[in-house]
C-alpha atoms as a PDB file:
ATOM      1  CA  UNK A   1       0.059  -0.398  -0.189  1.00  0.00           C
ATOM      2  CA  UNK A   2       2.923   2.655   0.917  1.00  0.00           C
ATOM      3  CA  UNK A   3       4.653   1.438  -2.520  1.00  0.00           C
ATOM      4  CA  UNK A   4       0.982   2.372  -4.422  1.00  0.00           C
ATOM      5  CA  UNK A   5       0.775   5.842  -2.418  1.00  0.00           C
ATOM      6  CA  UNK A   6       4.142   6.462  -3.333  1.00  0.00           C
ATOM      7  CA  UNK A   7       3.371   6.139  -6.791  1.00  0.00           C
ATOM      8  CA  UNK A   8       0.643   8.194  -6.700  1.00  0.00           C
ATOM      9  CA  UNK A   9       2.499  10.556  -5.664  1.00  0.00           C
ATOM     10  CA  UNK A  10       4.639  10.580  -7.708  1.00  0.00           C
ATOM     11  CA  UNK A  11       2.115  10.637 -10.778  1.00  0.00           C
ATOM     12  CA  UNK A  12       0.168  13.655  -9.666  1.00  0.00           C
ATOM     13  CA  UNK A  13       3.381  15.849  -8.837  1.00  0.00           C
ATOM     14  CA  UNK A  14       4.500  15.483 -12.209  1.00  0.00           C
ATOM     15  CA  UNK A  15       1.170  16.250 -13.585  1.00  0.00           C
ATOM     16  CA  UNK A  16       0.757  18.872 -10.790  1.00  0.00           C
ATOM     17  CA  UNK A  17       4.142  19.975 -13.113  1.00  0.00           C
ATOM     18  CA  UNK A  18       2.196  21.339 -15.885  1.00  0.00           C
ATOM     19  CA  UNK A  19       0.901  24.024 -14.271  1.00  0.00           C
ATOM     20  CA  UNK A  20       3.950  26.077 -15.121  1.00  0.00           C
ATOM     21  CA  UNK A  21       3.638  24.757 -18.908  1.00  0.00           C
ATOM     22  CA  UNK A  22       3.365  27.895 -21.176  1.00  0.00           C
ATOM     23  CA  UNK A  23       0.365  25.868 -23.161  1.00  0.00           C
ATOM     24  CA  UNK A  24      -1.421  25.125 -19.957  1.00  0.00           C
ATOM     25  CA  UNK A  25      -4.839  27.687 -19.636  1.00  0.00           C
ATOM     26  CA  UNK A  26      -5.142  30.202 -16.615  1.00  0.00           C
ATOM     27  CA  UNK A  27      -8.033  27.830 -15.054  1.00  0.00           C
ATOM     28  CA  UNK A  28      -5.998  24.153 -16.139  1.00  0.00           C
ATOM     29  CA  UNK A  29      -2.660  26.017 -14.241  1.00  0.00           C
ATOM     30  CA  UNK A  30      -4.810  27.417 -11.430  1.00  0.00           C
ATOM     31  CA  UNK A  31      -6.513  24.141 -10.861  1.00  0.00           C
ATOM     32  CA  UNK A  32      -3.108  22.090 -11.227  1.00  0.00           C
ATOM     33  CA  UNK A  33      -0.669  24.389  -9.161  1.00  0.00           C
ATOM     34  CA  UNK A  34      -3.759  23.718  -5.639  1.00  0.00           C
ATOM     35  CA  UNK A  35      -3.491  20.240  -6.645  1.00  0.00           C
ATOM     36  CA  UNK A  36       0.285  20.161  -6.385  1.00  0.00           C
ATOM     37  CA  UNK A  37      -0.252  21.786  -3.013  1.00  0.00           C
ATOM     38  CA  UNK A  38      -2.880  19.855  -1.705  1.00  0.00           C
ATOM     39  CA  UNK A  39      -0.239  17.166  -2.493  1.00  0.00           C
ATOM     40  CA  UNK A  40       2.200  18.612  -0.197  1.00  0.00           C
ATOM     41  CA  UNK A  41      -0.397  18.473   2.441  1.00  0.00           C
ATOM     42  CA  UNK A  42      -0.990  14.880   2.125  1.00  0.00           C
ATOM     43  CA  UNK A  43       2.769  14.085   2.025  1.00  0.00           C
ATOM     44  CA  UNK A  44       3.520  15.917   5.164  1.00  0.00           C
ATOM     45  CA  UNK A  45       0.620  14.426   6.599  1.00  0.00           C
ATOM     46  CA  UNK A  46       1.493  11.323   6.058  1.00  0.00           C
ATOM     47  CA  UNK A  47       4.462  11.418   6.705  1.00  0.00           C
ATOM     48  CA  UNK A  48       3.846  12.169  10.525  1.00  0.00           C
ATOM     49  CA  UNK A  49       1.271   9.509  10.875  1.00  0.00           C
ATOM     50  CA  UNK A  50       3.591   8.137  13.503  1.00  0.00           C
ATOM     51  CA  UNK A  51       3.745  11.517  15.723  1.00  0.00           C
ATOM     52  CA  UNK A  52      -0.061  11.816  15.404  1.00  0.00           C
ATOM     53  CA  UNK A  53      -0.618   8.179  17.159  1.00  0.00           C
ATOM     54  CA  UNK A  54       1.973   9.185  19.873  1.00  0.00           C
ATOM     55  CA  UNK A  55      -0.007  12.629  20.630  1.00  0.00           C
ATOM     56  CA  UNK A  56      -3.089  10.724  20.635  1.00  0.00           C
ATOM     57  CA  UNK A  57      -1.955   8.852  23.691  1.00  0.00           C
ATOM     58  CA  UNK A  58      -1.726  11.797  25.852  1.00  0.00           C
ATOM     59  CA  UNK A  59      -3.575  14.727  27.791  1.00  0.00           C
ATOM     60  CA  UNK A  60      -2.253  18.131  27.393  1.00  0.00           C
ATOM     61  CA  UNK A  61      -3.423  21.690  28.837  1.00  0.00           C
ATOM     62  CA  UNK A  62      -3.293  23.943  26.022  1.00  0.00           C
ATOM     63  CA  UNK A  63      -3.492  23.262  22.934  1.00  0.00           C
ATOM     64  CA  UNK A  64      -2.796  25.723  19.498  1.00  0.00           C
ATOM     65  CA  UNK A  65      -4.263  24.808  15.962  1.00  0.00           C
ATOM     66  CA  UNK A  66      -2.669  26.518  12.849  1.00  0.00           C
ATOM     67  CA  UNK A  67      -1.193  28.527  14.363  1.00  0.00           C
ATOM     68  CA  UNK A  68       1.817  29.569  11.800  1.00  0.00           C
ATOM     69  CA  UNK A  69       4.657  31.129  12.663  1.00  0.00           C
ATOM     70  CA  UNK A  70       3.193  32.280  15.954  1.00  0.00           C
ATOM     71  CA  UNK A  71       4.080  29.459  18.529  1.00  0.00           C
ATOM     72  CA  UNK A  72       2.527  29.872  21.734  1.00  0.00           C
ATOM     73  CA  UNK A  73       5.128  28.134  24.313  1.00  0.00           C
ATOM     74  CA  UNK A  74       3.423  26.405  27.177  1.00  0.00           C
ATOM     75  CA  UNK A  75       0.901  25.207  24.000  1.00  0.00           C
ATOM     76  CA  UNK A  76       0.935  21.827  21.963  1.00  0.00           C
ATOM     77  CA  UNK A  77       1.019  23.903  18.719  1.00  0.00           C
ATOM     78  CA  UNK A  78      -0.627  21.542  15.492  1.00  0.00           C
ATOM     79  CA  UNK A  79       0.062  22.799  12.398  1.00  0.00           C
ATOM     80  CA  UNK A  80       0.312  21.432   8.929  1.00  0.00           C
ATOM     81  CA  UNK A  81       4.024  22.410   8.742  1.00  0.00           C
ATOM     82  CA  UNK A  82       7.051  23.468  10.823  1.00  0.00           C
ATOM     83  CA  UNK A  83       6.975  24.767  13.312  1.00  0.00           C
ATOM     84  CA  UNK A  84       4.668  23.775  14.802  1.00  0.00           C
ATOM     85  CA  UNK A  85       5.425  20.745  17.315  1.00  0.00           C
ATOM     86  CA  UNK A  86       3.128  18.326  15.728  1.00  0.00           C
ATOM     87  CA  UNK A  87       2.550  18.156  12.128  1.00  0.00           C
ATOM     88  CA  UNK A  88      -1.375  17.431  11.017  1.00  0.00           C
ATOM     89  CA  UNK A  89      -3.771  17.906   8.331  1.00  0.00           C
ATOM     90  CA  UNK A  90      -6.415  19.064  10.858  1.00  0.00           C
ATOM     91  CA  UNK A  91      -9.420  18.819   8.249  1.00  0.00           C
ATOM     92  CA  UNK A  92      -8.862  14.603   8.828  1.00  0.00           C
ATOM     93  CA  UNK A  93      -9.743  15.423  12.586  1.00  0.00           C
ATOM     94  CA  UNK A  94      -7.608  16.329  15.707  1.00  0.00           C
ATOM     95  CA  UNK A  95      -4.443  13.711  16.745  1.00  0.00           C
ATOM     96  CA  UNK A  96      -5.689  14.017  20.022  1.00  0.00           C
ATOM     97  CA  UNK A  97      -7.686  11.460  22.937  1.00  0.00           C
ATOM     98  CA  UNK A  98     -10.947  12.028  23.762  1.00  0.00           C
ATOM     99  CA  UNK A  99     -11.014  13.975  26.727  1.00  0.00           C
ATOM    100  CA  UNK A 100      -7.545  14.837  26.346  1.00  0.00           C
ATOM    101  CA  UNK A 101      -6.927  18.604  26.358  1.00  0.00           C
ATOM    102  CA  UNK A 102      -8.729  21.384  28.728  1.00  0.00           C
ATOM    103  CA  UNK A 103      -7.677  25.066  25.725  1.00  0.00           C
ATOM    104  CA  UNK A 104      -7.828  25.334  22.214  1.00  0.00           C
ATOM    105  CA  UNK A 105      -6.723  28.395  20.451  1.00  0.00           C
ATOM    106  CA  UNK A 106      -7.310  28.909  16.858  1.00  0.00           C
ATOM    107  CA  UNK A 107      -7.178  32.090  15.192  1.00  0.00           C
ATOM    108  CA  UNK A 108      -7.449  33.055  11.395  1.00  0.00           C
ATOM    109  CA  UNK A 109      -7.728  29.181  10.112  1.00  0.00           C
ATOM    110  CA  UNK A 110     -11.189  28.173  10.504  1.00  0.00           C
ATOM    111  CA  UNK A 111     -12.144  30.360   7.835  1.00  0.00           C
ATOM    112  CA  UNK A 112      -9.520  28.736   5.116  1.00  0.00           C
ATOM    113  CA  UNK A 113     -11.331  25.223   5.343  1.00  0.00           C
ATOM    114  CA  UNK A 114     -14.103  24.231   3.655  1.00  0.00           C
ATOM    115  CA  UNK A 115     -17.906  23.854   4.776  1.00  0.00           C
ATOM    116  CA  UNK A 116     -19.720  22.988   6.098  1.00  0.00           C
ATOM    117  CA  UNK A 117     -17.544  19.486   6.031  1.00  0.00           C
ATOM    118  CA  UNK A 118     -13.935  19.814   7.127  1.00  0.00           C
ATOM    119  CA  UNK A 119     -15.598  23.207   9.129  1.00  0.00           C
ATOM    120  CA  UNK A 120     -18.242  21.304  11.033  1.00  0.00           C
ATOM    121  CA  UNK A 121     -16.046  18.404  11.732  1.00  0.00           C
ATOM    122  CA  UNK A 122     -13.661  20.496  12.976  1.00  0.00           C
ATOM    123  CA  UNK A 123     -15.776  21.914  15.723  1.00  0.00           C
ATOM    124  CA  UNK A 124     -16.750  17.912  16.394  1.00  0.00           C
ATOM    125  CA  UNK A 125     -13.470  17.412  16.980  1.00  0.00           C
ATOM    126  CA  UNK A 126     -12.918  20.051  18.845  1.00  0.00           C
ATOM    127  CA  UNK A 127     -15.849  19.098  21.350  1.00  0.00           C
ATOM    128  CA  UNK A 128     -14.885  15.243  21.271  1.00  0.00           C
ATOM    129  CA  UNK A 129     -10.733  16.151  22.484  1.00  0.00           C
ATOM    130  CA  UNK A 130     -11.707  18.733  25.053  1.00  0.00           C
ATOM    131  CA  UNK A 131     -12.633  17.791  29.052  1.00  0.00           C
ATOM    132  CA  UNK A 132     -15.647  18.560  30.289  1.00  0.00           C
ATOM    133  CA  UNK A 133     -15.605  22.098  30.915  1.00  0.00           C
ATOM    134  CA  UNK A 134     -13.221  22.580  28.630  1.00  0.00           C
ATOM    135  CA  UNK A 135     -12.991  25.759  26.511  1.00  0.00           C
ATOM    136  CA  UNK A 136     -12.306  26.344  22.327  1.00  0.00           C
ATOM    137  CA  UNK A 137     -11.238  29.820  21.539  1.00  0.00           C
ATOM    138  CA  UNK A 138     -11.907  30.645  18.004  1.00  0.00           C
ATOM    139  CA  UNK A 139     -11.141  33.859  15.965  1.00  0.00           C
ATOM    140  CA  UNK A 140     -12.233  34.802  12.429  1.00  0.00           C
ATOM    141  CA  UNK A 141     -11.908  37.819  10.242  1.00  0.00           C
ATOM    142  CA  UNK A 142     -15.567  39.254  11.253  1.00  0.00           C
ATOM    143  CA  UNK A 143     -17.591  39.426   8.096  1.00  0.00           C
ATOM    144  CA  UNK A 144     -20.295  42.105  10.110  1.00  0.00           C
ATOM    145  CA  UNK A 145     -17.721  44.299  10.343  1.00  0.00           C
ATOM    146  CA  UNK A 146     -16.676  43.916   6.494  1.00  0.00           C
ATOM    147  CA  UNK A 147     -20.584  44.312   5.342  1.00  0.00           C
ATOM    148  CA  UNK A 148     -21.992  46.816   8.065  1.00  0.00           C
ATOM    149  CA  UNK A 149     -19.311  49.116   5.862  1.00  0.00           C
ATOM    150  CA  UNK A 150     -19.953  48.504   2.286  1.00  0.00           C
ATOM    151  CA  UNK A 151     -23.834  49.218   3.433  1.00  0.00           C
ATOM    152  CA  UNK A 152     -22.444  52.604   5.370  1.00  0.00           C
ATOM    153  CA  UNK A 153     -19.730  52.874   2.148  1.00  0.00           C
ATOM    154  CA  UNK A 154     -16.809  53.792   5.162  1.00  0.00           C
ATOM    155  CA  UNK A 155     -14.364  54.531   2.891  1.00  0.00           C
ATOM    156  CA  UNK A 156     -11.834  55.047   5.699  1.00  0.00           C
ATOM    157  CA  UNK A 157     -12.538  51.537   6.700  1.00  0.00           C
ATOM    158  CA  UNK A 158     -11.908  50.409   3.480  1.00  0.00           C
ATOM    159  CA  UNK A 159      -7.918  52.394   3.519  1.00  0.00           C
ATOM    160  CA  UNK A 160      -7.345  51.141   6.784  1.00  0.00           C
ATOM    161  CA  UNK A 161      -8.289  47.497   5.786  1.00  0.00           C
ATOM    162  CA  UNK A 162      -5.798  47.724   2.601  1.00  0.00           C
ATOM    163  CA  UNK A 163      -3.116  49.005   5.181  1.00  0.00           C
ATOM    164  CA  UNK A 164      -3.760  46.806   7.860  1.00  0.00           C
ATOM    165  CA  UNK A 165      -4.900  43.612   5.977  1.00  0.00           C
ATOM    166  CA  UNK A 166      -2.930  43.588   2.347  1.00  0.00           C
ATOM    167  CA  UNK A 167      -0.292  46.971   2.505  1.00  0.00           C
ATOM    168  CA  UNK A 168       2.606  43.401   1.707  1.00  0.00           C
ATOM    169  CA  UNK A 169       0.888  41.660  -0.891  1.00  0.00           C
ATOM    170  CA  UNK A 170       0.331  42.394  -4.626  1.00  0.00           C
ATOM    171  CA  UNK A 171      -3.312  42.450  -4.913  1.00  0.00           C
ATOM    172  CA  UNK A 172      -3.467  46.232  -3.870  1.00  0.00           C
ATOM    173  CA  UNK A 173      -3.529  47.389  -7.718  1.00  0.00           C
ATOM    174  CA  UNK A 174      -6.582  45.433  -8.071  1.00  0.00           C
ATOM    175  CA  UNK A 175      -8.941  47.104  -4.747  1.00  0.00           C
ATOM    176  CA  UNK A 176     -10.283  49.850  -6.530  1.00  0.00           C
ATOM    177  CA  UNK A 177     -13.966  50.295  -4.781  1.00  0.00           C
ATOM    178  CA  UNK A 178     -15.786  48.878  -1.842  1.00  0.00           C
ATOM    179  CA  UNK A 179     -17.364  45.697  -3.142  1.00  0.00           C
ATOM    180  CA  UNK A 180     -13.090  44.733  -4.454  1.00  0.00           C
ATOM    181  CA  UNK A 181     -12.406  44.516  -0.231  1.00  0.00           C
ATOM    182  CA  UNK A 182     -15.793  42.696   0.243  1.00  0.00           C
ATOM    183  CA  UNK A 183     -14.822  39.659  -2.410  1.00  0.00           C
ATOM    184  CA  UNK A 184     -10.843  39.491  -0.890  1.00  0.00           C
ATOM    185  CA  UNK A 185     -12.097  39.435   2.787  1.00  0.00           C
ATOM    186  CA  UNK A 186     -14.971  36.341   1.305  1.00  0.00           C
ATOM    187  CA  UNK A 187     -12.238  34.542  -0.821  1.00  0.00           C
ATOM    188  CA  UNK A 188      -8.972  36.180  -0.592  1.00  0.00           C
ATOM    189  CA  UNK A 189      -6.812  35.910  -3.407  1.00  0.00           C
ATOM    190  CA  UNK A 190      -7.226  33.575  -5.860  1.00  0.00           C
ATOM    191  CA  UNK A 191      -4.760  31.339  -7.363  1.00  0.00           C
ATOM    192  CA  UNK A 192      -1.778  32.875  -5.450  1.00  0.00           C
ATOM    193  CA  UNK A 193       0.399  30.245  -3.401  1.00  0.00           C
ATOM    194  CA  UNK A 194       1.598  31.913  -0.706  1.00  0.00           C
ATOM    195  CA  UNK A 195      -1.806  32.953   1.197  1.00  0.00           C
ATOM    196  CA  UNK A 196      -4.309  30.269   1.388  1.00  0.00           C
ATOM    197  CA  UNK A 197      -7.482  31.664   0.114  1.00  0.00           C
ATOM    198  CA  UNK A 198     -10.975  32.093   2.147  1.00  0.00           C
ATOM    199  CA  UNK A 199     -13.516  29.455   2.101  1.00  0.00           C
ATOM    200  CA  UNK A 200     -16.643  30.639   3.942  1.00  0.00           C
ATOM    201  CA  UNK A 201     -16.765  33.953   5.951  1.00  0.00           C
ATOM    202  CA  UNK A 202     -18.219  34.151   9.866  1.00  0.00           C
ATOM    203  CA  UNK A 203     -19.674  36.287  11.832  1.00  0.00           C
ATOM    204  CA  UNK A 204     -20.477  35.950  15.921  1.00  0.00           C
ATOM    205  CA  UNK A 205     -24.373  34.076  15.035  1.00  0.00           C
ATOM    206  CA  UNK A 206     -22.736  31.671  12.962  1.00  0.00           C
ATOM    207  CA  UNK A 207     -20.059  30.662  15.324  1.00  0.00           C
ATOM    208  CA  UNK A 208     -22.450  30.562  17.688  1.00  0.00           C
ATOM    209  CA  UNK A 209     -25.229  28.500  15.777  1.00  0.00           C
ATOM    210  CA  UNK A 210     -22.101  26.098  14.998  1.00  0.00           C
ATOM    211  CA  UNK A 211     -21.278  25.418  18.685  1.00  0.00           C
ATOM    212  CA  UNK A 212     -24.265  25.157  20.350  1.00  0.00           C
ATOM    213  CA  UNK A 213     -25.375  22.707  17.596  1.00  0.00           C
ATOM    214  CA  UNK A 214     -22.365  20.338  18.290  1.00  0.00           C
ATOM    215  CA  UNK A 215     -23.034  20.376  22.297  1.00  0.00           C
ATOM    216  CA  UNK A 216     -21.286  23.075  23.704  1.00  0.00           C
ATOM    217  CA  UNK A 217     -23.035  24.694  26.489  1.00  0.00           C
ATOM    218  CA  UNK A 218     -22.312  28.432  26.467  1.00  0.00           C
ATOM    219  CA  UNK A 219     -20.614  30.324  23.491  1.00  0.00           C
ATOM    220  CA  UNK A 220     -19.523  34.166  24.425  1.00  0.00           C
ATOM    221  CA  UNK A 221     -17.557  36.400  22.809  1.00  0.00           C
ATOM    222  CA  UNK A 222     -13.917  36.674  23.723  1.00  0.00           C
ATOM    223  CA  UNK A 223     -11.917  39.478  25.200  1.00  0.00           C
ATOM    224  CA  UNK A 224      -8.898  39.812  22.954  1.00  0.00           C
ATOM    225  CA  UNK A 225      -5.582  38.869  25.250  1.00  0.00           C
ATOM    226  CA  UNK A 226      -2.671  39.379  23.569  1.00  0.00           C
ATOM    227  CA  UNK A 227      -0.725  36.389  25.377  1.00  0.00           C
ATOM    228  CA  UNK A 228      -1.634  34.349  23.428  1.00  0.00           C
ATOM    229  CA  UNK A 229      -3.552  35.681  20.372  1.00  0.00           C
ATOM    230  CA  UNK A 230      -2.093  37.801  17.343  1.00  0.00           C
ATOM    231  CA  UNK A 231      -2.032  41.570  17.800  1.00  0.00           C
ATOM    232  CA  UNK A 232      -1.569  41.846  14.229  1.00  0.00           C
ATOM    233  CA  UNK A 233      -5.449  40.070  14.329  1.00  0.00           C
ATOM    234  CA  UNK A 234      -7.200  41.720  16.475  1.00  0.00           C
ATOM    235  CA  UNK A 235      -8.485  44.349  14.206  1.00  0.00           C
ATOM    236  CA  UNK A 236     -11.520  43.498  11.930  1.00  0.00           C
ATOM    237  CA  UNK A 237     -12.005  40.033  13.809  1.00  0.00           C
ATOM    238  CA  UNK A 238     -14.161  38.279  15.667  1.00  0.00           C
ATOM    239  CA  UNK A 239     -13.585  35.739  18.670  1.00  0.00           C
ATOM    240  CA  UNK A 240     -15.534  33.741  20.606  1.00  0.00           C
ATOM    241  CA  UNK A 241     -14.870  31.221  23.310  1.00  0.00           C
ATOM    242  CA  UNK A 242     -17.607  28.323  23.934  1.00  0.00           C
ATOM    243  CA  UNK A 243     -17.217  25.899  26.895  1.00  0.00           C
ATOM    244  CA  UNK A 244     -17.961  22.075  26.903  1.00  0.00           C
END
């Protein structure tokens, strides 16, 4: 079976490399680049299955999911690539045992996974691995802020969003009206290999609904704390804390 996977990955990688062929159409190239990215994630996840199984046998106080380079000291940091402590594609589930941790923290990750399948599975998994009374703190871009800003035609908000979120990217020339910013917030960048695009937008009501549907007893807005949250994420975001 391992050999079969090896050859399958090899074939897909060669296919994906056609993305840069000058004869490839934009649509084909975009699809192949995404395929190549998913193959890379699959390899990282598969190569770390042993560590994931070992992690599932332990208890943890604090866990961060998909924090990227924002590593939290004293937490088990889980992500699909280094510098995380544990490499795992959490769309496939959390590599932790039932009722094995007290706190899960995750910010600006949830909007990057598909809804409803992966999003609802992630919430279910958080409920499974948290101890009774355990909590999850989840932060995402606040779609309500964006929609209200569009409705009020708040150009000042538009400029602040561009400055805070996109000044270091190559998309500023394409943001000419407020509807462009709405689209970037809901979709993020199309066909950009450095940034992962958004797949769903959330506000407080939607987050509360998701957590309560999956058994969490109490959900409320979380007061931003720079001791664990990334200060760069505060503006334009909504954080909730849900208790099992």
